[in-house]
Amino acid sequence: MPIQKRRERERAERERLIVTAARELAESEGWDAVTTRRLADEIEYSQPVLYSHFKGKNAIMAAVALEGFAELTADLRAARTAAPNPRDALTGVGAVYAAFAERRPALYDVMFTLPVDLPFASPESPAPLQEGFAELRETMRPLAGEESPDVLAETFWSALHGLVTLMRNGRLRVQEHDVRMAALISRFSA
């Protein structure tokens, strides 16, 4: 039994190494630079070893995205639960979301803009996706009144994503970010 546990531990460590290397490479050079050949070189294992853990690049990207959702969820929860009132919670959650996208652009892209094989908005969605959305829903719940907290959370998330994406791609003036965020918070907390 000890040999089996060691092998399981080593396998988990290799998976962790692959995911970490993919994240670092994507953040420094972009997702196009992340290939199984390049990852194999980075972690000093053969490509067949990578394929014994992941079916290919898309599966690695999905693993990175799940890790990102867990991190974002923790940040959103901290902002929501630290706020003294619903409007401050909404402000904090919006700020955390935008800061996450700015601080980790490649991670944000794999989570929200690049095609990955993860089911969104479905009962089959992995727990990290469901938990992240739950934080947005709980942020909106005290502000929802007669409206659906789910619909408000989806709409707020869509607005945040749109603002972040348009600004990152040079479609909106960066210097107006705080003004736009204040307008968004005002509309949703009215």
N, C-alpha and C. Protein backbone atom coordinates (compact mmCIF):
# COMPACT_ATOMS: atom_id res chain seq x y z
N MET A 1 0.80 -1.21 0.00
CA MET A 1 0.00 0.00 0.00
C MET A 1 0.85 1.27 0.00
N PRO A 2 1.96 1.32 0.71
CA PRO A 2 2.77 2.54 0.69
C PRO A 2 3.29 2.90 -0.70
N ILE A 3 3.59 1.91 -1.53
CA ILE A 3 4.07 2.19 -2.88
C ILE A 3 2.95 2.85 -3.69
N GLN A 4 1.74 2.35 -3.56
CA GLN A 4 0.60 2.92 -4.27
C GLN A 4 0.36 4.37 -3.85
N LYS A 5 0.45 4.65 -2.57
CA LYS A 5 0.25 6.02 -2.09
C LYS A 5 1.34 6.95 -2.61
N ARG A 6 2.57 6.44 -2.65
CA ARG A 6 3.67 7.25 -3.18
C ARG A 6 3.43 7.56 -4.65
N ARG A 7 2.99 6.56 -5.42
CA ARG A 7 2.71 6.77 -6.85
C ARG A 7 1.58 7.78 -7.04
N GLU A 8 0.56 7.69 -6.24
CA GLU A 8 -0.55 8.65 -6.32
C GLU A 8 -0.07 10.06 -5.99
N ARG A 9 0.76 10.15 -4.97
CA ARG A 9 1.31 11.46 -4.58
C ARG A 9 2.20 12.02 -5.69
N GLU A 10 3.04 11.18 -6.29
CA GLU A 10 3.90 11.63 -7.39
C GLU A 10 3.08 12.06 -8.60
N ARG A 11 2.01 11.31 -8.87
CA ARG A 11 1.14 11.66 -9.99
C ARG A 11 0.49 13.02 -9.76
N ALA A 12 -0.01 13.24 -8.55
CA ALA A 12 -0.63 14.53 -8.21
C ALA A 12 0.40 15.66 -8.31
N GLU A 13 1.63 15.39 -7.90
CA GLU A 13 2.68 16.41 -7.99
C GLU A 13 3.01 16.74 -9.44
N ARG A 14 3.03 15.72 -10.32
CA ARG A 14 3.28 15.98 -11.74
C ARG A 14 2.13 16.79 -12.35
N GLU A 15 0.90 16.46 -12.00
CA GLU A 15 -0.24 17.24 -12.50
C GLU A 15 -0.13 18.69 -12.06
N ARG A 16 0.21 18.89 -10.81
CA ARG A 16 0.38 20.24 -10.26
C ARG A 16 1.47 20.98 -11.02
N LEU A 17 2.58 20.27 -11.31
CA LEU A 17 3.70 20.85 -12.04
C LEU A 17 3.27 21.26 -13.46
N ILE A 18 2.50 20.42 -14.12
CA ILE A 18 2.03 20.71 -15.47
C ILE A 18 1.12 21.94 -15.46
N VAL A 19 0.17 21.99 -14.54
CA VAL A 19 -0.76 23.12 -14.47
C VAL A 19 -0.01 24.41 -14.14
N THR A 20 0.90 24.35 -13.20
CA THR A 20 1.69 25.53 -12.84
C THR A 20 2.52 26.03 -14.01
N ALA A 21 3.17 25.10 -14.71
CA ALA A 21 3.99 25.49 -15.86
C ALA A 21 3.12 26.11 -16.95
N ALA A 22 1.93 25.55 -17.18
CA ALA A 22 1.03 26.11 -18.19
C ALA A 22 0.61 27.53 -17.82
N ARG A 23 0.27 27.73 -16.57
CA ARG A 23 -0.13 29.07 -16.11
C ARG A 23 1.00 30.08 -16.29
N GLU A 24 2.18 29.70 -15.85
CA GLU A 24 3.32 30.62 -15.93
C GLU A 24 3.66 30.94 -17.38
N LEU A 25 3.66 29.94 -18.22
CA LEU A 25 3.97 30.15 -19.63
C LEU A 25 2.90 31.02 -20.29
N ALA A 26 1.65 30.76 -19.99
CA ALA A 26 0.56 31.57 -20.56
C ALA A 26 0.65 33.02 -20.10
N GLU A 27 0.95 33.23 -18.83
CA GLU A 27 1.03 34.61 -18.33
C GLU A 27 2.24 35.35 -18.92
N SER A 28 3.31 34.64 -19.18
CA SER A 28 4.50 35.33 -19.70
C SER A 28 4.50 35.47 -21.23
N GLU A 29 3.92 34.46 -21.94
CA GLU A 29 4.02 34.47 -23.40
C GLU A 29 2.68 34.31 -24.12
N GLY A 30 1.61 34.07 -23.38
CA GLY A 30 0.29 33.89 -24.00
C GLY A 30 -0.03 32.42 -24.22
N TRP A 31 -1.30 32.14 -24.42
CA TRP A 31 -1.75 30.76 -24.56
C TRP A 31 -1.25 30.08 -25.83
N ASP A 32 -0.93 30.84 -26.85
CA ASP A 32 -0.39 30.23 -28.07
C ASP A 32 0.96 29.56 -27.81
N ALA A 33 1.69 30.05 -26.83
CA ALA A 33 2.99 29.47 -26.50
C ALA A 33 2.87 28.18 -25.70
N VAL A 34 1.70 27.91 -25.18
CA VAL A 34 1.49 26.71 -24.36
C VAL A 34 1.17 25.55 -25.29
N THR A 35 2.15 24.69 -25.48
CA THR A 35 1.98 23.47 -26.25
C THR A 35 2.44 22.30 -25.39
N THR A 36 2.00 21.12 -25.73
CA THR A 36 2.44 19.97 -24.93
C THR A 36 3.95 19.77 -25.06
N ARG A 37 4.49 20.03 -26.22
CA ARG A 37 5.95 19.91 -26.39
C ARG A 37 6.69 20.92 -25.50
N ARG A 38 6.21 22.14 -25.50
CA ARG A 38 6.85 23.18 -24.69
C ARG A 38 6.70 22.88 -23.20
N LEU A 39 5.51 22.42 -22.80
CA LEU A 39 5.31 22.07 -21.39
C LEU A 39 6.20 20.90 -20.98
N ALA A 40 6.32 19.91 -21.86
CA ALA A 40 7.19 18.77 -21.56
C ALA A 40 8.62 19.25 -21.33
N ASP A 41 9.09 20.17 -22.17
CA ASP A 41 10.44 20.73 -21.97
C ASP A 41 10.54 21.49 -20.66
N GLU A 42 9.50 22.29 -20.36
CA GLU A 42 9.52 23.11 -19.15
C GLU A 42 9.57 22.26 -17.88
N ILE A 43 8.83 21.17 -17.85
CA ILE A 43 8.77 20.37 -16.63
C ILE A 43 9.74 19.19 -16.64
N GLU A 44 10.46 19.05 -17.76
CA GLU A 44 11.48 18.00 -17.91
C GLU A 44 10.90 16.59 -17.81
N TYR A 45 9.76 16.42 -18.48
CA TYR A 45 9.14 15.10 -18.67
C TYR A 45 8.83 14.97 -20.15
N SER A 46 8.59 13.77 -20.60
CA SER A 46 8.26 13.54 -22.01
C SER A 46 6.80 13.90 -22.28
N GLN A 47 6.49 14.12 -23.56
CA GLN A 47 5.11 14.40 -23.93
C GLN A 47 4.17 13.25 -23.54
N PRO A 48 4.58 11.99 -23.70
CA PRO A 48 3.67 10.92 -23.25
C PRO A 48 3.32 11.01 -21.76
N VAL A 49 4.22 11.53 -20.95
CA VAL A 49 3.89 11.71 -19.53
C VAL A 49 2.78 12.75 -19.39
N LEU A 50 2.87 13.84 -20.14
CA LEU A 50 1.80 14.85 -20.10
C LEU A 50 0.47 14.22 -20.53
N TYR A 51 0.51 13.43 -21.60
CA TYR A 51 -0.71 12.81 -22.10
C TYR A 51 -1.24 11.74 -21.15
N SER A 52 -0.41 11.24 -20.26
CA SER A 52 -0.92 10.29 -19.26
C SER A 52 -1.72 11.01 -18.18
N HIS A 53 -1.56 12.33 -18.10
CA HIS A 53 -2.29 13.15 -17.13
C HIS A 53 -3.45 13.90 -17.76
N PHE A 54 -3.24 14.41 -18.97
CA PHE A 54 -4.22 15.24 -19.66
C PHE A 54 -4.32 14.79 -21.11
N LYS A 55 -5.53 14.86 -21.66
CA LYS A 55 -5.74 14.43 -23.04
C LYS A 55 -5.07 15.34 -24.06
N GLY A 56 -4.79 16.56 -23.66
CA GLY A 56 -4.17 17.51 -24.56
C GLY A 56 -4.21 18.91 -23.96
N LYS A 57 -3.89 19.88 -24.79
CA LYS A 57 -3.82 21.26 -24.33
C LYS A 57 -5.16 21.74 -23.76
N ASN A 58 -6.26 21.38 -24.40
CA ASN A 58 -7.56 21.84 -23.91
C ASN A 58 -7.83 21.34 -22.50
N ALA A 59 -7.46 20.12 -22.22
CA ALA A 59 -7.66 19.58 -20.87
C ALA A 59 -6.77 20.30 -19.86
N ILE A 60 -5.58 20.66 -20.27
CA ILE A 60 -4.69 21.43 -19.39
C ILE A 60 -5.28 22.81 -19.14
N MET A 61 -5.79 23.43 -20.20
CA MET A 61 -6.41 24.74 -20.06
C MET A 61 -7.62 24.67 -19.12
N ALA A 62 -8.41 23.60 -19.22
CA ALA A 62 -9.56 23.44 -18.33
C ALA A 62 -9.11 23.30 -16.89
N ALA A 63 -8.03 22.58 -16.65
CA ALA A 63 -7.50 22.43 -15.29
C ALA A 63 -7.02 23.77 -14.75
N VAL A 64 -6.38 24.56 -15.60
CA VAL A 64 -5.94 25.90 -15.20
C VAL A 64 -7.16 26.77 -14.89
N ALA A 65 -8.18 26.69 -15.73
CA ALA A 65 -9.39 27.48 -15.51
C ALA A 65 -10.05 27.12 -14.18
N LEU A 66 -10.15 25.85 -13.88
CA LEU A 66 -10.75 25.43 -12.61
C LEU A 66 -9.97 25.98 -11.43
N GLU A 67 -8.67 25.95 -11.54
CA GLU A 67 -7.83 26.52 -10.47
C GLU A 67 -8.10 28.03 -10.34
N GLY A 68 -8.23 28.70 -11.47
CA GLY A 68 -8.52 30.12 -11.46
C GLY A 68 -9.88 30.43 -10.84
N PHE A 69 -10.88 29.61 -11.15
CA PHE A 69 -12.20 29.82 -10.55
C PHE A 69 -12.15 29.67 -9.03
N ALA A 70 -11.38 28.72 -8.55
CA ALA A 70 -11.25 28.55 -7.10
C ALA A 70 -10.61 29.79 -6.48
N GLU A 71 -9.60 30.34 -7.12
CA GLU A 71 -8.94 31.55 -6.61
C GLU A 71 -9.87 32.75 -6.66
N LEU A 72 -10.54 32.94 -7.79
CA LEU A 72 -11.46 34.07 -7.91
C LEU A 72 -12.59 33.96 -6.89
N THR A 73 -13.11 32.76 -6.70
CA THR A 73 -14.19 32.56 -5.73
C THR A 73 -13.75 32.99 -4.34
N ALA A 74 -12.55 32.60 -3.95
CA ALA A 74 -12.05 32.98 -2.62
C ALA A 74 -11.95 34.50 -2.51
N ASP A 75 -11.48 35.16 -3.56
CA ASP A 75 -11.37 36.63 -3.55
C ASP A 75 -12.76 37.28 -3.46
N LEU A 76 -13.70 36.76 -4.25
CA LEU A 76 -15.06 37.32 -4.24
C LEU A 76 -15.72 37.13 -2.87
N ARG A 77 -15.56 35.94 -2.30
CA ARG A 77 -16.14 35.66 -0.99
C ARG A 77 -15.56 36.59 0.08
N ALA A 78 -14.26 36.79 0.04
CA ALA A 78 -13.62 37.67 1.01
C ALA A 78 -14.17 39.10 0.89
N ALA A 79 -14.32 39.57 -0.34
CA ALA A 79 -14.84 40.93 -0.54
C ALA A 79 -16.30 41.03 -0.07
N ARG A 80 -17.08 40.03 -0.41
CA ARG A 80 -18.51 40.05 -0.05
C ARG A 80 -18.71 39.99 1.46
N THR A 81 -18.02 39.08 2.11
CA THR A 81 -18.25 38.87 3.54
C THR A 81 -17.62 39.96 4.41
N ALA A 82 -16.65 40.67 3.89
CA ALA A 82 -16.01 41.74 4.66
C ALA A 82 -16.79 43.05 4.61
N ALA A 83 -17.72 43.15 3.68
CA ALA A 83 -18.44 44.42 3.49
C ALA A 83 -19.51 44.61 4.56
N PRO A 84 -19.67 45.84 5.03
CA PRO A 84 -20.67 46.11 6.07
C PRO A 84 -22.12 46.19 5.57
N ASN A 85 -22.29 46.34 4.25
CA ASN A 85 -23.65 46.45 3.71
C ASN A 85 -23.67 45.95 2.26
N PRO A 86 -24.85 45.73 1.71
CA PRO A 86 -24.94 45.16 0.35
C PRO A 86 -24.28 46.00 -0.74
N ARG A 87 -24.42 47.32 -0.65
CA ARG A 87 -23.79 48.16 -1.69
C ARG A 87 -22.28 48.05 -1.62
N ASP A 88 -21.71 48.07 -0.42
CA ASP A 88 -20.26 47.92 -0.29
C ASP A 88 -19.81 46.53 -0.75
N ALA A 89 -20.64 45.53 -0.51
CA ALA A 89 -20.32 44.18 -0.99
C ALA A 89 -20.26 44.17 -2.51
N LEU A 90 -21.24 44.80 -3.15
CA LEU A 90 -21.26 44.88 -4.60
C LEU A 90 -20.04 45.63 -5.14
N THR A 91 -19.71 46.73 -4.48
CA THR A 91 -18.53 47.51 -4.87
C THR A 91 -17.27 46.68 -4.73
N GLY A 92 -17.13 45.99 -3.60
CA GLY A 92 -15.95 45.18 -3.36
C GLY A 92 -15.83 44.02 -4.34
N VAL A 93 -16.94 43.35 -4.60
CA VAL A 93 -16.93 42.23 -5.54
C VAL A 93 -16.57 42.72 -6.94
N GLY A 94 -17.14 43.83 -7.35
CA GLY A 94 -16.81 44.38 -8.67
C GLY A 94 -15.34 44.75 -8.78
N ALA A 95 -14.81 45.36 -7.73
CA ALA A 95 -13.40 45.76 -7.74
C ALA A 95 -12.48 44.54 -7.77
N VAL A 96 -12.81 43.53 -6.99
CA VAL A 96 -12.00 42.31 -6.94
C VAL A 96 -12.01 41.61 -8.30
N TYR A 97 -13.18 41.54 -8.91
CA TYR A 97 -13.29 40.90 -10.22
C TYR A 97 -12.42 41.62 -11.25
N ALA A 98 -12.54 42.95 -11.31
CA ALA A 98 -11.76 43.72 -12.28
C ALA A 98 -10.26 43.61 -12.00
N ALA A 99 -9.88 43.64 -10.73
CA ALA A 99 -8.47 43.53 -10.38
C ALA A 99 -7.92 42.15 -10.75
N PHE A 100 -8.72 41.12 -10.55
CA PHE A 100 -8.31 39.77 -10.91
C PHE A 100 -8.02 39.70 -12.41
N ALA A 101 -8.91 40.24 -13.22
CA ALA A 101 -8.73 40.23 -14.68
C ALA A 101 -7.49 41.00 -15.09
N GLU A 102 -7.22 42.09 -14.42
CA GLU A 102 -6.04 42.90 -14.76
C GLU A 102 -4.75 42.24 -14.30
N ARG A 103 -4.78 41.65 -13.13
CA ARG A 103 -3.58 41.05 -12.54
C ARG A 103 -3.18 39.73 -13.20
N ARG A 104 -4.17 38.98 -13.68
CA ARG A 104 -3.92 37.66 -14.27
C ARG A 104 -4.62 37.54 -15.63
N PRO A 105 -4.15 38.28 -16.63
CA PRO A 105 -4.88 38.31 -17.90
C PRO A 105 -4.99 36.95 -18.60
N ALA A 106 -3.95 36.15 -18.61
CA ALA A 106 -4.03 34.85 -19.29
C ALA A 106 -4.95 33.91 -18.53
N LEU A 107 -4.91 33.95 -17.22
CA LEU A 107 -5.81 33.13 -16.42
C LEU A 107 -7.25 33.56 -16.65
N TYR A 108 -7.50 34.85 -16.65
CA TYR A 108 -8.84 35.37 -16.92
C TYR A 108 -9.33 34.91 -18.29
N ASP A 109 -8.46 34.98 -19.29
CA ASP A 109 -8.85 34.58 -20.64
C ASP A 109 -9.25 33.11 -20.70
N VAL A 110 -8.49 32.24 -20.05
CA VAL A 110 -8.83 30.82 -20.11
C VAL A 110 -10.12 30.54 -19.33
N MET A 111 -10.41 31.34 -18.35
CA MET A 111 -11.63 31.17 -17.57
C MET A 111 -12.87 31.69 -18.32
N PHE A 112 -12.71 32.81 -19.04
CA PHE A 112 -13.90 33.50 -19.55
C PHE A 112 -13.95 33.79 -21.04
N THR A 113 -12.85 33.68 -21.75
CA THR A 113 -12.93 34.06 -23.17
C THR A 113 -12.47 32.96 -24.13
N LEU A 114 -11.53 32.15 -23.75
CA LEU A 114 -11.04 31.09 -24.64
C LEU A 114 -11.96 29.86 -24.57
N PRO A 115 -12.07 29.15 -25.67
CA PRO A 115 -12.89 27.94 -25.62
C PRO A 115 -12.19 26.84 -24.81
N VAL A 116 -12.86 26.37 -23.79
CA VAL A 116 -12.37 25.24 -22.99
C VAL A 116 -13.52 24.27 -22.80
N ASP A 117 -13.18 23.05 -22.57
CA ASP A 117 -14.18 22.00 -22.45
C ASP A 117 -14.70 21.91 -21.02
N LEU A 118 -15.44 22.95 -20.61
CA LEU A 118 -16.08 22.97 -19.30
C LEU A 118 -17.54 23.38 -19.50
N PRO A 119 -18.44 22.68 -18.87
CA PRO A 119 -19.85 23.07 -18.99
C PRO A 119 -20.19 24.23 -18.07
N PHE A 120 -20.61 25.33 -18.64
CA PHE A 120 -21.03 26.50 -17.88
C PHE A 120 -22.55 26.50 -17.79
N ALA A 121 -23.08 27.18 -16.76
CA ALA A 121 -24.52 27.38 -16.61
C ALA A 121 -25.29 26.07 -16.73
N SER A 122 -24.81 25.07 -16.06
CA SER A 122 -25.40 23.74 -16.16
C SER A 122 -25.26 23.02 -14.83
N PRO A 123 -26.17 22.12 -14.52
CA PRO A 123 -26.01 21.32 -13.30
C PRO A 123 -24.72 20.49 -13.32
N GLU A 124 -24.19 20.24 -14.52
CA GLU A 124 -22.94 19.48 -14.65
C GLU A 124 -21.69 20.36 -14.51
N SER A 125 -21.87 21.65 -14.31
CA SER A 125 -20.72 22.54 -14.13
C SER A 125 -19.90 22.08 -12.93
N PRO A 126 -18.58 22.06 -13.07
CA PRO A 126 -17.74 21.67 -11.93
C PRO A 126 -17.96 22.61 -10.74
N ALA A 127 -17.70 22.09 -9.57
CA ALA A 127 -17.92 22.84 -8.32
C ALA A 127 -17.27 24.23 -8.33
N PRO A 128 -16.01 24.40 -8.78
CA PRO A 128 -15.44 25.75 -8.74
C PRO A 128 -16.23 26.77 -9.55
N LEU A 129 -16.83 26.37 -10.66
CA LEU A 129 -17.66 27.28 -11.45
C LEU A 129 -18.94 27.61 -10.69
N GLN A 130 -19.57 26.60 -10.14
CA GLN A 130 -20.81 26.83 -9.39
C GLN A 130 -20.57 27.70 -8.17
N GLU A 131 -19.46 27.47 -7.49
CA GLU A 131 -19.15 28.25 -6.29
C GLU A 131 -18.86 29.71 -6.62
N GLY A 132 -18.18 29.94 -7.74
CA GLY A 132 -17.91 31.31 -8.17
C GLY A 132 -19.19 32.06 -8.47
N PHE A 133 -20.08 31.40 -9.22
CA PHE A 133 -21.36 32.04 -9.52
C PHE A 133 -22.17 32.26 -8.26
N ALA A 134 -22.10 31.32 -7.32
CA ALA A 134 -22.83 31.46 -6.06
C ALA A 134 -22.41 32.72 -5.31
N GLU A 135 -21.14 33.07 -5.39
CA GLU A 135 -20.69 34.31 -4.73
C GLU A 135 -21.33 35.53 -5.38
N LEU A 136 -21.43 35.53 -6.70
CA LEU A 136 -22.10 36.65 -7.37
C LEU A 136 -23.58 36.69 -6.99
N ARG A 137 -24.20 35.52 -6.97
CA ARG A 137 -25.63 35.45 -6.60
C ARG A 137 -25.85 35.94 -5.17
N GLU A 138 -25.01 35.53 -4.24
CA GLU A 138 -25.16 35.96 -2.85
C GLU A 138 -24.90 37.45 -2.69
N THR A 139 -24.05 38.00 -3.53
CA THR A 139 -23.82 39.45 -3.51
C THR A 139 -25.08 40.18 -3.96
N MET A 140 -25.77 39.61 -4.95
CA MET A 140 -26.96 40.26 -5.50
C MET A 140 -28.21 40.01 -4.67
N ARG A 141 -28.25 38.93 -3.90
CA ARG A 141 -29.48 38.54 -3.19
C ARG A 141 -30.09 39.68 -2.36
N PRO A 142 -29.32 40.40 -1.53
CA PRO A 142 -29.95 41.45 -0.73
C PRO A 142 -30.41 42.65 -1.55
N LEU A 143 -29.96 42.74 -2.79
CA LEU A 143 -30.33 43.86 -3.66
C LEU A 143 -31.43 43.50 -4.65
N ALA A 144 -31.82 42.23 -4.68
CA ALA A 144 -32.69 41.73 -5.74
C ALA A 144 -34.15 42.15 -5.61
N GLY A 145 -34.63 42.33 -4.39
CA GLY A 145 -36.05 42.65 -4.24
C GLY A 145 -36.89 41.54 -4.83
N GLU A 146 -37.75 41.88 -5.79
CA GLU A 146 -38.63 40.90 -6.44
C GLU A 146 -37.94 40.21 -7.62
N GLU A 147 -36.76 40.67 -7.99
CA GLU A 147 -36.06 40.09 -9.15
C GLU A 147 -35.30 38.83 -8.75
N SER A 148 -34.99 38.02 -9.73
CA SER A 148 -34.22 36.79 -9.50
C SER A 148 -32.76 37.13 -9.22
N PRO A 149 -32.23 36.68 -8.08
CA PRO A 149 -30.81 36.90 -7.81
C PRO A 149 -29.91 36.25 -8.88
N ASP A 150 -30.35 35.13 -9.45
CA ASP A 150 -29.57 34.48 -10.51
C ASP A 150 -29.48 35.37 -11.75
N VAL A 151 -30.61 35.92 -12.16
CA VAL A 151 -30.62 36.77 -13.35
C VAL A 151 -29.80 38.04 -13.09
N LEU A 152 -29.96 38.63 -11.93
CA LEU A 152 -29.17 39.83 -11.62
C LEU A 152 -27.69 39.51 -11.58
N ALA A 153 -27.32 38.36 -11.00
CA ALA A 153 -25.91 37.97 -10.95
C ALA A 153 -25.37 37.76 -12.36
N GLU A 154 -26.14 37.11 -13.22
CA GLU A 154 -25.69 36.91 -14.61
C GLU A 154 -25.53 38.24 -15.33
N THR A 155 -26.45 39.17 -15.09
CA THR A 155 -26.40 40.47 -15.76
C THR A 155 -25.22 41.30 -15.23
N PHE A 156 -25.03 41.28 -13.92
CA PHE A 156 -23.90 42.01 -13.32
C PHE A 156 -22.58 41.44 -13.82
N TRP A 157 -22.47 40.12 -13.83
CA TRP A 157 -21.26 39.46 -14.31
C TRP A 157 -21.02 39.82 -15.77
N SER A 158 -22.08 39.80 -16.59
CA SER A 158 -21.94 40.15 -18.01
C SER A 158 -21.42 41.58 -18.16
N ALA A 159 -21.95 42.48 -17.36
CA ALA A 159 -21.51 43.87 -17.43
C ALA A 159 -20.05 44.00 -17.00
N LEU A 160 -19.69 43.34 -15.91
CA LEU A 160 -18.29 43.37 -15.46
C LEU A 160 -17.36 42.82 -16.53
N HIS A 161 -17.73 41.67 -17.06
CA HIS A 161 -16.91 41.04 -18.09
C HIS A 161 -16.77 41.95 -19.30
N GLY A 162 -17.86 42.54 -19.72
CA GLY A 162 -17.81 43.44 -20.86
C GLY A 162 -16.90 44.63 -20.62
N LEU A 163 -17.04 45.25 -19.46
CA LEU A 163 -16.19 46.40 -19.14
C LEU A 163 -14.71 46.01 -19.11
N VAL A 164 -14.43 44.92 -18.43
CA VAL A 164 -13.05 44.47 -18.30
C VAL A 164 -12.47 44.12 -19.67
N THR A 165 -13.21 43.39 -20.46
CA THR A 165 -12.73 42.94 -21.76
C THR A 165 -12.54 44.11 -22.72
N LEU A 166 -13.50 45.00 -22.77
CA LEU A 166 -13.38 46.15 -23.66
C LEU A 166 -12.21 47.05 -23.25
N MET A 167 -12.00 47.23 -21.96
CA MET A 167 -10.89 48.06 -21.50
C MET A 167 -9.55 47.38 -21.81
N ARG A 168 -9.46 46.08 -21.53
CA ARG A 168 -8.21 45.36 -21.79
C ARG A 168 -7.84 45.37 -23.27
N ASN A 169 -8.85 45.40 -24.13
CA ASN A 169 -8.60 45.38 -25.57
C ASN A 169 -8.52 46.77 -26.19
N GLY A 170 -8.43 47.80 -25.35
CA GLY A 170 -8.25 49.16 -25.84
C GLY A 170 -9.50 49.79 -26.42
N ARG A 171 -10.67 49.23 -26.13
CA ARG A 171 -11.92 49.78 -26.67
C ARG A 171 -12.53 50.84 -25.75
N LEU A 172 -12.10 50.87 -24.50
CA LEU A 172 -12.56 51.87 -23.54
C LEU A 172 -11.35 52.57 -22.93
N ARG A 173 -11.54 53.82 -22.54
CA ARG A 173 -10.45 54.59 -21.93
C ARG A 173 -10.18 54.07 -20.51
N VAL A 174 -8.96 53.70 -20.25
CA VAL A 174 -8.56 53.17 -18.94
C VAL A 174 -8.83 54.19 -17.84
N GLN A 175 -8.58 55.46 -18.10
CA GLN A 175 -8.72 56.48 -17.07
C GLN A 175 -10.16 56.66 -16.60
N GLU A 176 -11.12 56.13 -17.35
CA GLU A 176 -12.54 56.24 -16.97
C GLU A 176 -13.04 54.99 -16.25
N HIS A 177 -12.17 54.04 -15.96
CA HIS A 177 -12.59 52.77 -15.36
C HIS A 177 -13.35 52.97 -14.05
N ASP A 178 -12.82 53.77 -13.16
CA ASP A 178 -13.48 53.97 -11.86
C ASP A 178 -14.86 54.62 -12.02
N VAL A 179 -14.99 55.53 -12.97
CA VAL A 179 -16.28 56.19 -13.23
C VAL A 179 -17.29 55.16 -13.75
N ARG A 180 -16.85 54.33 -14.68
CA ARG A 180 -17.74 53.29 -15.20
C ARG A 180 -18.15 52.30 -14.11
N MET A 181 -17.20 51.90 -13.27
CA MET A 181 -17.52 50.97 -12.19
C MET A 181 -18.51 51.60 -11.21
N ALA A 182 -18.34 52.88 -10.90
CA ALA A 182 -19.27 53.55 -9.99
C ALA A 182 -20.66 53.60 -10.60
N ALA A 183 -20.75 53.85 -11.91
CA ALA A 183 -22.06 53.87 -12.58
C ALA A 183 -22.70 52.49 -12.55
N LEU A 184 -21.91 51.46 -12.77
CA LEU A 184 -22.43 50.08 -12.73
C LEU A 184 -22.96 49.73 -11.34
N ILE A 185 -22.19 50.05 -10.33
CA ILE A 185 -22.60 49.76 -8.95
C ILE A 185 -23.88 50.54 -8.61
N SER A 186 -23.93 51.79 -9.03
CA SER A 186 -25.10 52.62 -8.77
C SER A 186 -26.35 52.01 -9.39
N ARG A 187 -26.26 51.53 -10.61
CA ARG A 187 -27.42 50.96 -11.30
C ARG A 187 -27.89 49.68 -10.62
N PHE A 188 -26.96 48.85 -10.17
CA PHE A 188 -27.35 47.58 -9.59
C PHE A 188 -27.72 47.66 -8.11
N SER A 189 -27.32 48.73 -7.46
CA SER A 189 -27.63 48.83 -6.03
C SER A 189 -28.77 49.80 -5.75
N ALA A 190 -29.35 50.36 -6.81
CA ALA A 190 -30.44 51.32 -6.64
C ALA A 190 -31.67 50.65 -6.04
